[in-house]
């Protein structure tokens, strides 16, 4: 068997060739190309590829499935055509979307394949639908900008208000406000003194409250008899109300008028002495009769014995 003898120049050339091939494979590997797996090429048309760079990752359901091989700008249409290399073991439905999204908070962009529900799968060199997902930072900025505008308007309004207040408040008004603040401080100090006195007289106040509580208890005990008395008075009042007092008073007034009339029967009896004299005479006769019977009873009482 013959040995292959290489000259020094041939060895140098062979080494350079091997180095170039290795460098080629290394560069393409760093670009994301996988020489050991079969890849499919897909195209996506974007209006904006801000943050997306070649060799960027392409994810399928969270797993890295390929890379962005290149991004070309088409000035005649004003669009960008991105070329993807995706492993053939990842079948992609025909209505899937290649969505550009924020991969981190620093703004780095990546692509994720949002699979559709179509039963037909894309073939190599087909075109995917494009999409753009608003990142978290963009959302925060979008929400912060209206707040920023509102804050600027509020600050501007406050500045105008303070300027107007300064224009309205002359030196006398400012002095009055300062004096009002001094009076307010005095009032606060007086309130503190009153509070201190209340703290010092706390035991006496507590004793007074206890006495009031005891008095209230006694009043509650006396309330029941008083209630009965009030009920009785109410019943008496109702009875008097129901009675015909007016008619009674009228009758009494008529009787008094009749008694005061000298021509009436009762008036004659009250104003003349005849009844009085007759009664005196009758009493005198009765006394004489009784005395005569006592002295001579046989004259008036007869007793017969059978």
C-alpha atoms as a PDB file:
ATOM      1  CA  UNK A   1       0.000   0.000   0.000  1.00  0.00           C
ATOM      2  CA  UNK A   2       1.452   3.307  -1.041  1.00  0.00           C
ATOM      3  CA  UNK A   3       1.667   6.085   1.417  1.00  0.00           C
ATOM      4  CA  UNK A   4       0.338   9.403   0.253  1.00  0.00           C
ATOM      5  CA  UNK A   5       3.068  11.866   0.593  1.00  0.00           C
ATOM      6  CA  UNK A   6       2.048  15.487   0.716  1.00  0.00           C
ATOM      7  CA  UNK A   7       4.287  18.322   0.286  1.00  0.00           C
ATOM      8  CA  UNK A   8       4.471  21.127   2.763  1.00  0.00           C
ATOM      9  CA  UNK A   9       2.389  23.394   0.554  1.00  0.00           C
ATOM     10  CA  UNK A  10      -0.294  20.713   0.121  1.00  0.00           C
ATOM     11  CA  UNK A  11      -0.530  20.192   3.846  1.00  0.00           C
ATOM     12  CA  UNK A  12      -0.937  23.914   4.380  1.00  0.00           C
ATOM     13  CA  UNK A  13      -3.645  24.064   1.695  1.00  0.00           C
ATOM     14  CA  UNK A  14      -5.472  21.062   3.122  1.00  0.00           C
ATOM     15  CA  UNK A  15      -5.397  22.566   6.606  1.00  0.00           C
ATOM     16  CA  UNK A  16      -6.744  25.844   5.278  1.00  0.00           C
ATOM     17  CA  UNK A  17      -9.564  24.025   3.457  1.00  0.00           C
ATOM     18  CA  UNK A  18     -10.553  22.055   6.549  1.00  0.00           C
ATOM     19  CA  UNK A  19     -10.435  25.249   8.594  1.00  0.00           C
ATOM     20  CA  UNK A  20     -12.682  27.042   6.110  1.00  0.00           C
ATOM     21  CA  UNK A  21     -15.207  24.196   6.059  1.00  0.00           C
ATOM     22  CA  UNK A  22     -15.220  24.036   9.834  1.00  0.00           C
ATOM     23  CA  UNK A  23     -15.638  27.800  10.019  1.00  0.00           C
ATOM     24  CA  UNK A  24     -18.522  27.634   7.551  1.00  0.00           C
ATOM     25  CA  UNK A  25     -20.313  24.999   9.578  1.00  0.00           C
ATOM     26  CA  UNK A  26     -19.550  26.852  12.821  1.00  0.00           C
ATOM     27  CA  UNK A  27     -20.884  30.159  11.492  1.00  0.00           C
ATOM     28  CA  UNK A  28     -24.052  28.589  10.165  1.00  0.00           C
ATOM     29  CA  UNK A  29     -24.497  26.672  13.397  1.00  0.00           C
ATOM     30  CA  UNK A  30     -24.211  29.910  15.335  1.00  0.00           C
ATOM     31  CA  UNK A  31     -26.808  31.381  12.977  1.00  0.00           C
ATOM     32  CA  UNK A  32     -29.146  28.655  14.112  1.00  0.00           C
ATOM     33  CA  UNK A  33     -28.893  26.277  11.189  1.00  0.00           C
ATOM     34  CA  UNK A  34     -29.099  22.650  12.130  1.00  0.00           C
ATOM     35  CA  UNK A  35     -27.156  20.434   9.711  1.00  0.00           C
ATOM     36  CA  UNK A  36     -28.256  17.240  11.403  1.00  0.00           C
ATOM     37  CA  UNK A  37     -32.022  17.785  11.083  1.00  0.00           C
ATOM     38  CA  UNK A  38     -34.066  18.457   8.014  1.00  0.00           C
ATOM     39  CA  UNK A  39     -35.513  21.999   7.946  1.00  0.00           C
ATOM     40  CA  UNK A  40     -38.348  23.623   6.078  1.00  0.00           C
ATOM     41  CA  UNK A  41     -38.193  27.176   4.786  1.00  0.00           C
ATOM     42  CA  UNK A  42     -41.126  29.540   5.309  1.00  0.00           C
ATOM     43  CA  UNK A  43     -41.672  33.189   4.442  1.00  0.00           C
ATOM     44  CA  UNK A  44     -43.543  35.860   6.370  1.00  0.00           C
ATOM     45  CA  UNK A  45     -44.364  39.414   5.221  1.00  0.00           C
ATOM     46  CA  UNK A  46     -44.300  42.144   7.912  1.00  0.00           C
ATOM     47  CA  UNK A  47     -45.027  45.842   7.812  1.00  0.00           C
ATOM     48  CA  UNK A  48     -42.711  46.434  10.761  1.00  0.00           C
ATOM     49  CA  UNK A  49     -39.915  44.246  12.161  1.00  0.00           C
ATOM     50  CA  UNK A  50     -38.713  46.564  14.921  1.00  0.00           C
ATOM     51  CA  UNK A  51     -36.428  44.616  17.272  1.00  0.00           C
ATOM     52  CA  UNK A  52     -36.389  41.470  15.135  1.00  0.00           C
ATOM     53  CA  UNK A  53     -32.950  40.423  13.894  1.00  0.00           C
ATOM     54  CA  UNK A  54     -31.595  37.549  11.774  1.00  0.00           C
ATOM     55  CA  UNK A  55     -30.599  34.455  13.766  1.00  0.00           C
ATOM     56  CA  UNK A  56     -33.422  35.275  16.154  1.00  0.00           C
ATOM     57  CA  UNK A  57     -35.313  32.301  17.616  1.00  0.00           C
ATOM     58  CA  UNK A  58     -38.625  30.987  16.348  1.00  0.00           C
ATOM     59  CA  UNK A  59     -40.771  29.186  18.938  1.00  0.00           C
ATOM     60  CA  UNK A  60     -43.553  26.678  18.429  1.00  0.00           C
ATOM     61  CA  UNK A  61     -45.763  26.170  21.517  1.00  0.00           C
ATOM     62  CA  UNK A  62     -42.937  27.441  23.727  1.00  0.00           C
ATOM     63  CA  UNK A  63     -40.200  25.239  22.224  1.00  0.00           C
ATOM     64  CA  UNK A  64     -37.507  26.590  19.930  1.00  0.00           C
ATOM     65  CA  UNK A  65     -38.321  25.150  16.523  1.00  0.00           C
ATOM     66  CA  UNK A  66     -36.120  27.224  14.220  1.00  0.00           C
ATOM     67  CA  UNK A  67     -34.466  30.575  13.513  1.00  0.00           C
ATOM     68  CA  UNK A  68     -34.918  33.715  11.472  1.00  0.00           C
ATOM     69  CA  UNK A  69     -32.522  33.180   8.571  1.00  0.00           C
ATOM     70  CA  UNK A  70     -32.839  36.593   6.929  1.00  0.00           C
ATOM     71  CA  UNK A  71     -34.944  39.760   6.696  1.00  0.00           C
ATOM     72  CA  UNK A  72     -35.188  41.535   3.329  1.00  0.00           C
ATOM     73  CA  UNK A  73     -36.819  44.909   2.692  1.00  0.00           C
ATOM     74  CA  UNK A  74     -38.940  45.347  -0.426  1.00  0.00           C
ATOM     75  CA  UNK A  75     -38.977  49.098  -1.104  1.00  0.00           C
ATOM     76  CA  UNK A  76     -41.480  48.862  -3.951  1.00  0.00           C
ATOM     77  CA  UNK A  77     -44.112  47.619  -1.489  1.00  0.00           C
ATOM     78  CA  UNK A  78     -42.662  49.046   1.710  1.00  0.00           C
ATOM     79  CA  UNK A  79     -42.745  45.611   3.371  1.00  0.00           C
ATOM     80  CA  UNK A  80     -40.274  43.247   4.991  1.00  0.00           C
ATOM     81  CA  UNK A  81     -39.932  39.598   3.967  1.00  0.00           C
ATOM     82  CA  UNK A  82     -38.575  37.372   6.720  1.00  0.00           C
ATOM     83  CA  UNK A  83     -37.206  33.913   5.918  1.00  0.00           C
ATOM     84  CA  UNK A  84     -37.573  31.222   8.581  1.00  0.00           C
ATOM     85  CA  UNK A  85     -35.850  27.868   8.941  1.00  0.00           C
ATOM     86  CA  UNK A  86     -38.045  25.514  10.975  1.00  0.00           C
ATOM     87  CA  UNK A  87     -37.422  21.879  11.739  1.00  0.00           C
ATOM     88  CA  UNK A  88     -39.560  19.614   9.635  1.00  0.00           C
ATOM     89  CA  UNK A  89     -40.705  17.618  12.669  1.00  0.00           C
ATOM     90  CA  UNK A  90     -42.939  20.568  13.579  1.00  0.00           C
ATOM     91  CA  UNK A  91     -45.965  20.469  11.235  1.00  0.00           C
ATOM     92  CA  UNK A  92     -47.568  23.890  10.934  1.00  0.00           C
ATOM     93  CA  UNK A  93     -51.285  24.259  10.080  1.00  0.00           C
ATOM     94  CA  UNK A  94     -52.050  26.412   7.070  1.00  0.00           C
ATOM     95  CA  UNK A  95     -53.881  29.129   9.066  1.00  0.00           C
ATOM     96  CA  UNK A  96     -51.111  29.553  11.662  1.00  0.00           C
ATOM     97  CA  UNK A  97     -49.718  33.018  12.473  1.00  0.00           C
ATOM     98  CA  UNK A  98     -46.063  34.024  12.881  1.00  0.00           C
ATOM     99  CA  UNK A  99     -46.345  36.516  15.755  1.00  0.00           C
ATOM    100  CA  UNK A 100     -43.570  38.933  16.675  1.00  0.00           C
ATOM    101  CA  UNK A 101     -43.544  39.500  20.445  1.00  0.00           C
ATOM    102  CA  UNK A 102     -41.309  40.897  23.191  1.00  0.00           C
ATOM    103  CA  UNK A 103     -39.110  38.148  24.511  1.00  0.00           C
ATOM    104  CA  UNK A 104     -37.956  40.110  27.597  1.00  0.00           C
ATOM    105  CA  UNK A 105     -38.301  43.450  29.353  1.00  0.00           C
ATOM    106  CA  UNK A 106     -35.300  44.841  27.470  1.00  0.00           C
ATOM    107  CA  UNK A 107     -37.286  44.891  24.234  1.00  0.00           C
ATOM    108  CA  UNK A 108     -35.689  41.931  22.466  1.00  0.00           C
ATOM    109  CA  UNK A 109     -38.016  40.487  19.847  1.00  0.00           C
ATOM    110  CA  UNK A 110     -38.677  36.887  18.900  1.00  0.00           C
ATOM    111  CA  UNK A 111     -41.179  34.998  16.773  1.00  0.00           C
ATOM    112  CA  UNK A 112     -43.712  32.467  17.955  1.00  0.00           C
ATOM    113  CA  UNK A 113     -45.843  30.322  15.721  1.00  0.00           C
ATOM    114  CA  UNK A 114     -49.453  30.436  16.884  1.00  0.00           C
ATOM    115  CA  UNK A 115     -50.869  27.218  15.395  1.00  0.00           C
ATOM    116  CA  UNK A 116     -54.261  27.292  13.751  1.00  0.00           C
ATOM    117  CA  UNK A 117     -56.953  24.635  13.556  1.00  0.00           C
ATOM    118  CA  UNK A 118     -56.690  23.901   9.827  1.00  0.00           C
ATOM    119  CA  UNK A 119     -56.214  20.238   8.922  1.00  0.00           C
ATOM    120  CA  UNK A 120     -54.005  21.167   5.981  1.00  0.00           C
ATOM    121  CA  UNK A 121     -50.326  21.692   6.764  1.00  0.00           C
ATOM    122  CA  UNK A 122     -47.920  24.169   5.185  1.00  0.00           C
ATOM    123  CA  UNK A 123     -45.294  22.921   2.796  1.00  0.00           C
ATOM    124  CA  UNK A 124     -41.736  24.136   2.397  1.00  0.00           C
ATOM    125  CA  UNK A 125     -41.379  27.705   1.041  1.00  0.00           C
ATOM    126  CA  UNK A 126     -45.010  28.534   1.823  1.00  0.00           C
ATOM    127  CA  UNK A 127     -45.948  31.907   3.324  1.00  0.00           C
ATOM    128  CA  UNK A 128     -47.208  32.255   6.878  1.00  0.00           C
ATOM    129  CA  UNK A 129     -49.624  34.885   8.100  1.00  0.00           C
ATOM    130  CA  UNK A 130     -47.982  37.666  10.100  1.00  0.00           C
ATOM    131  CA  UNK A 131     -48.917  39.287  13.380  1.00  0.00           C
ATOM    132  CA  UNK A 132     -47.568  41.719  15.978  1.00  0.00           C
ATOM    133  CA  UNK A 133     -48.164  41.290  19.695  1.00  0.00           C
ATOM    134  CA  UNK A 134     -47.991  44.359  21.910  1.00  0.00           C
ATOM    135  CA  UNK A 135     -45.303  43.833  24.539  1.00  0.00           C
ATOM    136  CA  UNK A 136     -45.562  44.533  28.231  1.00  0.00           C
ATOM    137  CA  UNK A 137     -43.352  47.606  27.991  1.00  0.00           C
ATOM    138  CA  UNK A 138     -45.430  48.953  25.108  1.00  0.00           C
ATOM    139  CA  UNK A 139     -48.607  48.369  27.108  1.00  0.00           C
ATOM    140  CA  UNK A 140     -47.158  50.182  30.114  1.00  0.00           C
ATOM    141  CA  UNK A 141     -46.032  53.050  27.913  1.00  0.00           C
ATOM    142  CA  UNK A 142     -49.430  53.201  26.224  1.00  0.00           C
ATOM    143  CA  UNK A 143     -51.168  53.328  29.591  1.00  0.00           C
ATOM    144  CA  UNK A 144     -48.681  55.796  31.050  1.00  0.00           C
ATOM    145  CA  UNK A 145     -48.877  58.355  28.265  1.00  0.00           C
ATOM    146  CA  UNK A 146     -52.523  59.373  28.958  1.00  0.00           C
ATOM    147  CA  UNK A 147     -51.641  59.621  32.643  1.00  0.00           C
ATOM    148  CA  UNK A 148     -48.666  61.797  31.736  1.00  0.00           C
ATOM    149  CA  UNK A 149     -50.867  64.131  29.687  1.00  0.00           C
ATOM    150  CA  UNK A 150     -53.424  64.301  32.491  1.00  0.00           C
ATOM    151  CA  UNK A 151     -50.689  65.027  35.038  1.00  0.00           C
ATOM    152  CA  UNK A 152     -49.331  67.834  32.865  1.00  0.00           C
ATOM    153  CA  UNK A 153     -52.805  69.361  32.561  1.00  0.00           C
ATOM    154  CA  UNK A 154     -53.294  69.047  36.314  1.00  0.00           C
ATOM    155  CA  UNK A 155     -49.944  70.685  37.060  1.00  0.00           C
ATOM    156  CA  UNK A 156     -50.717  73.477  34.616  1.00  0.00           C
ATOM    157  CA  UNK A 157     -54.126  74.037  36.263  1.00  0.00           C
ATOM    158  CA  UNK A 158     -52.531  74.079  39.717  1.00  0.00           C
ATOM    159  CA  UNK A 159     -49.957  76.612  38.583  1.00  0.00           C
ATOM    160  CA  UNK A 160     -52.713  78.852  37.216  1.00  0.00           C
ATOM    161  CA  UNK A 161     -54.677  78.438  40.455  1.00  0.00           C
ATOM    162  CA  UNK A 162     -51.699  79.385  42.618  1.00  0.00           C
ATOM    163  CA  UNK A 163     -50.983  82.405  40.409  1.00  0.00           C
ATOM    164  CA  UNK A 164     -54.614  83.526  40.697  1.00  0.00           C
ATOM    165  CA  UNK A 165     -54.566  83.004  44.472  1.00  0.00           C
ATOM    166  CA  UNK A 166     -51.387  85.067  44.765  1.00  0.00           C
ATOM    167  CA  UNK A 167     -53.002  87.783  42.668  1.00  0.00           C
ATOM    168  CA  UNK A 168     -56.144  87.795  44.833  1.00  0.00           C
ATOM    169  CA  UNK A 169     -54.354  87.745  48.185  1.00  0.00           C
ATOM    170  CA  UNK A 170     -52.891  91.196  48.802  1.00  0.00           C
ATOM    171  CA  UNK A 171     -50.671  92.057  51.758  1.00  0.00           C
ATOM    172  CA  UNK A 172     -53.642  92.722  54.072  1.00  0.00           C
ATOM    173  CA  UNK A 173     -55.265  89.411  53.196  1.00  0.00           C
ATOM    174  CA  UNK A 174     -52.016  87.583  53.866  1.00  0.00           C
ATOM    175  CA  UNK A 175     -51.739  89.327  57.245  1.00  0.00           C
ATOM    176  CA  UNK A 176     -55.316  88.318  58.064  1.00  0.00           C
ATOM    177  CA  UNK A 177     -54.563  84.701  57.160  1.00  0.00           C
ATOM    178  CA  UNK A 178     -51.440  84.780  59.336  1.00  0.00           C
ATOM    179  CA  UNK A 179     -53.471  86.225  62.228  1.00  0.00           C
ATOM    180  CA  UNK A 180     -56.137  83.555  61.723  1.00  0.00           C
ATOM    181  CA  UNK A 181     -53.439  80.896  61.948  1.00  0.00           C
ATOM    182  CA  UNK A 182     -52.182  82.479  65.194  1.00  0.00           C
ATOM    183  CA  UNK A 183     -55.710  82.435  66.613  1.00  0.00           C
ATOM    184  CA  UNK A 184     -56.105  78.844  65.517  1.00  0.00           C
ATOM    185  CA  UNK A 185     -52.917  77.937  67.380  1.00  0.00           C
ATOM    186  CA  UNK A 186     -54.274  79.688  70.493  1.00  0.00           C
ATOM    187  CA  UNK A 187     -57.533  77.770  70.177  1.00  0.00           C
ATOM    188  CA  UNK A 188     -55.625  74.507  69.892  1.00  0.00           C
ATOM    189  CA  UNK A 189     -53.599  75.358  73.010  1.00  0.00           C
ATOM    190  CA  UNK A 190     -56.801  76.213  74.907  1.00  0.00           C
ATOM    191  CA  UNK A 191     -58.326  72.915  73.817  1.00  0.00           C
ATOM    192  CA  UNK A 192     -55.229  71.118  75.072  1.00  0.00           C
ATOM    193  CA  UNK A 193     -55.523  72.933  78.429  1.00  0.00           C
ATOM    194  CA  UNK A 194     -59.206  71.942  78.689  1.00  0.00           C
ATOM    195  CA  UNK A 195     -58.315  68.354  77.885  1.00  0.00           C
ATOM    196  CA  UNK A 196     -55.599  68.443  80.579  1.00  0.00           C
ATOM    197  CA  UNK A 197     -58.096  69.770  83.138  1.00  0.00           C
ATOM    198  CA  UNK A 198     -60.548  67.059  82.186  1.00  0.00           C
ATOM    199  CA  UNK A 199     -57.830  64.469  82.724  1.00  0.00           C
ATOM    200  CA  UNK A 200     -57.068  65.954  86.170  1.00  0.00           C
ATOM    201  CA  UNK A 201     -60.759  66.034  87.171  1.00  0.00           C
ATOM    202  CA  UNK A 202     -61.404  62.617  85.763  1.00  0.00           C
ATOM    203  CA  UNK A 203     -62.156  60.911  89.136  1.00  0.00           C
ATOM    204  CA  UNK A 204     -64.652  63.649  90.140  1.00  0.00           C
ATOM    205  CA  UNK A 205     -66.368  63.421  86.761  1.00  0.00           C
ATOM    206  CA  UNK A 206     -66.533  59.648  87.124  1.00  0.00           C
ATOM    207  CA  UNK A 207     -68.077  60.016  90.615  1.00  0.00           C
ATOM    208  CA  UNK A 208     -70.639  62.498  89.282  1.00  0.00           C
ATOM    209  CA  UNK A 209     -71.580  60.138  86.491  1.00  0.00           C
ATOM    210  CA  UNK A 210     -72.010  57.301  89.006  1.00  0.00           C
ATOM    211  CA  UNK A 211     -74.273  59.512  91.160  1.00  0.00           C
ATOM    212  CA  UNK A 212     -76.310  60.399  88.095  1.00  0.00           C
ATOM    213  CA  UNK A 213     -76.567  56.709  87.290  1.00  0.00           C
ATOM    214  CA  UNK A 214     -77.805  55.964  90.834  1.00  0.00           C
ATOM    215  CA  UNK A 215     -80.331  58.824  90.633  1.00  0.00           C
ATOM    216  CA  UNK A 216     -81.531  57.507  87.300  1.00  0.00           C
ATOM    217  CA  UNK A 217     -82.009  54.053  88.861  1.00  0.00           C
ATOM    218  CA  UNK A 218     -84.086  55.545  91.718  1.00  0.00           C
ATOM    219  CA  UNK A 219     -86.174  57.519  89.260  1.00  0.00           C
ATOM    220  CA  UNK A 220     -86.776  54.308  87.347  1.00  0.00           C
ATOM    221  CA  UNK A 221     -87.947  52.632  90.585  1.00  0.00           C
ATOM    222  CA  UNK A 222     -90.331  55.526  91.317  1.00  0.00           C
ATOM    223  CA  UNK A 223     -91.588  55.586  87.773  1.00  0.00           C
ATOM    224  CA  UNK A 224     -93.922  52.605  88.312  1.00  0.00           C
ATOM    225  CA  UNK A 225     -96.018  54.196  91.180  1.00  0.00           C
ATOM    226  CA  UNK A 226     -96.057  57.502  89.352  1.00  0.00           C
ATOM    227  CA  UNK A 227     -97.281  55.692  86.302  1.00  0.00           C
ATOM    228  CA  UNK A 228    -100.132  54.136  88.292  1.00  0.00           C
ATOM    229  CA  UNK A 229    -101.042  57.565  89.755  1.00  0.00           C
ATOM    230  CA  UNK A 230    -101.018  59.122  86.313  1.00  0.00           C
ATOM    231  CA  UNK A 231    -103.236  56.295  85.055  1.00  0.00           C
ATOM    232  CA  UNK A 232    -105.695  56.877  87.926  1.00  0.00           C
ATOM    233  CA  UNK A 233    -105.747  60.611  87.220  1.00  0.00           C
ATOM    234  CA  UNK A 234    -106.321  59.838  83.577  1.00  0.00           C
ATOM    235  CA  UNK A 235    -109.246  57.558  84.480  1.00  0.00           C
ATOM    236  CA  UNK A 236    -110.682  60.225  86.834  1.00  0.00           C
ATOM    237  CA  UNK A 237    -110.314  62.819  84.087  1.00  0.00           C
ATOM    238  CA  UNK A 238    -112.043  60.538  81.618  1.00  0.00           C
ATOM    239  CA  UNK A 239    -114.880  59.948  84.135  1.00  0.00           C
ATOM    240  CA  UNK A 240    -115.291  63.665  84.747  1.00  0.00           C
ATOM    241  CA  UNK A 241    -115.171  64.249  81.036  1.00  0.00           C
ATOM    242  CA  UNK A 242    -117.904  61.690  80.446  1.00  0.00           C
ATOM    243  CA  UNK A 243    -120.086  63.073  83.324  1.00  0.00           C
ATOM    244  CA  UNK A 244    -122.652  65.753  82.482  1.00  0.00           C
ATOM    245  CA  UNK A 245    -121.124  68.388  84.784  1.00  0.00           C
ATOM    246  CA  UNK A 246    -122.645  71.239  82.846  1.00  0.00           C
ATOM    247  CA  UNK A 247    -126.186  69.949  83.470  1.00  0.00           C
ATOM    248  CA  UNK A 248    -125.407  69.367  87.177  1.00  0.00           C
ATOM    249  CA  UNK A 249    -124.026  72.863  87.615  1.00  0.00           C
ATOM    250  CA  UNK A 250    -127.045  74.263  85.791  1.00  0.00           C
ATOM    251  CA  UNK A 251    -129.406  72.356  88.134  1.00  0.00           C
ATOM    252  CA  UNK A 252    -127.522  73.580  91.199  1.00  0.00           C
ATOM    253  CA  UNK A 253    -127.669  77.139  89.900  1.00  0.00           C
ATOM    254  CA  UNK A 254    -131.455  76.826  89.383  1.00  0.00           C
ATOM    255  CA  UNK A 255    -131.867  75.415  92.919  1.00  0.00           C
ATOM    256  CA  UNK A 256    -129.881  78.287  94.398  1.00  0.00           C
ATOM    257  CA  UNK A 257    -131.900  80.829  92.461  1.00  0.00           C
ATOM    258  CA  UNK A 258    -135.143  79.177  93.685  1.00  0.00           C
ATOM    259  CA  UNK A 259    -133.908  79.212  97.283  1.00  0.00           C
ATOM    260  CA  UNK A 260    -132.985  82.909  96.995  1.00  0.00           C
ATOM    261  CA  UNK A 261    -136.438  83.797  95.546  1.00  0.00           C
ATOM    262  CA  UNK A 262    -138.557  85.118  98.501  1.00  0.00           C
ATOM    263  CA  UNK A 263    -141.777  84.427  96.651  1.00  0.00           C
ATOM    264  CA  UNK A 264    -141.006  80.755  96.144  1.00  0.00           C
ATOM    265  CA  UNK A 265    -141.897  77.923  98.488  1.00  0.00           C
ATOM    266  CA  UNK A 266    -138.335  77.266  99.627  1.00  0.00           C
ATOM    267  CA  UNK A 267    -137.644  80.994  99.772  1.00  0.00           C
ATOM    268  CA  UNK A 268    -140.661  81.576 102.040  1.00  0.00           C
ATOM    269  CA  UNK A 269    -139.595  78.781 104.335  1.00  0.00           C
ATOM    270  CA  UNK A 270    -136.095  80.195 104.575  1.00  0.00           C
ATOM    271  CA  UNK A 271    -137.089  83.871 104.914  1.00  0.00           C
ATOM    272  CA  UNK A 272    -140.177  83.724 107.260  1.00  0.00           C
ATOM    273  CA  UNK A 273    -140.408  82.691 110.944  1.00  0.00           C
ATOM    274  CA  UNK A 274    -143.754  80.959 110.769  1.00  0.00           C
ATOM    275  CA  UNK A 275    -142.310  77.490 110.209  1.00  0.00           C
ATOM    276  CA  UNK A 276    -139.804  78.078 112.981  1.00  0.00           C
ATOM    277  CA  UNK A 277    -142.501  79.271 115.414  1.00  0.00           C
ATOM    278  CA  UNK A 278    -144.776  76.359 114.513  1.00  0.00           C
ATOM    279  CA  UNK A 279    -141.983  73.883 115.100  1.00  0.00           C
ATOM    280  CA  UNK A 280    -141.115  75.485 118.445  1.00  0.00           C
ATOM    281  CA  UNK A 281    -144.756  75.376 119.477  1.00  0.00           C
ATOM    282  CA  UNK A 282    -145.054  71.717 118.474  1.00  0.00           C
ATOM    283  CA  UNK A 283    -141.941  70.825 120.443  1.00  0.00           C
ATOM    284  CA  UNK A 284    -143.286  72.673 123.503  1.00  0.00           C
ATOM    285  CA  UNK A 285    -146.633  70.832 123.332  1.00  0.00           C
ATOM    286  CA  UNK A 286    -144.838  67.488 123.000  1.00  0.00           C
ATOM    287  CA  UNK A 287    -142.730  68.258 126.075  1.00  0.00           C
ATOM    288  CA  UNK A 288    -145.842  69.144 128.107  1.00  0.00           C
ATOM    289  CA  UNK A 289    -147.595  65.963 126.942  1.00  0.00           C
ATOM    290  CA  UNK A 290    -144.675  63.767 127.888  1.00  0.00           C
ATOM    291  CA  UNK A 291    -144.353  65.452 131.296  1.00  0.00           C
ATOM    292  CA  UNK A 292    -148.114  64.970 131.968  1.00  0.00           C
ATOM    293  CA  UNK A 293    -147.871  61.287 131.003  1.00  0.00           C
ATOM    294  CA  UNK A 294    -144.960  60.840 133.367  1.00  0.00           C
ATOM    295  CA  UNK A 295    -146.823  62.421 136.227  1.00  0.00           C
ATOM    296  CA  UNK A 296    -150.185  60.726 135.735  1.00  0.00           C
ATOM    297  CA  UNK A 297    -149.796  57.704 133.477  1.00  0.00           C
ATOM    298  CA  UNK A 298    -153.099  56.132 134.582  1.00  0.00           C
ATOM    299  CA  UNK A 299    -154.917  58.965 133.015  1.00  0.00           C
ATOM    300  CA  UNK A 300    -153.616  58.013 129.618  1.00  0.00           C
ATOM    301  CA  UNK A 301    -152.905  54.277 129.917  1.00  0.00           C
ATOM    302  CA  UNK A 302    -155.602  51.866 131.096  1.00  0.00           C
ATOM    303  CA  UNK A 303    -154.656  48.344 132.160  1.00  0.00           C
ATOM    304  CA  UNK A 304    -157.360  45.659 132.372  1.00  0.00           C
ATOM    305  CA  UNK A 305    -156.782  42.295 133.960  1.00  0.00           C
ATOM    306  CA  UNK A 306    -158.839  39.358 132.852  1.00  0.00           C
END
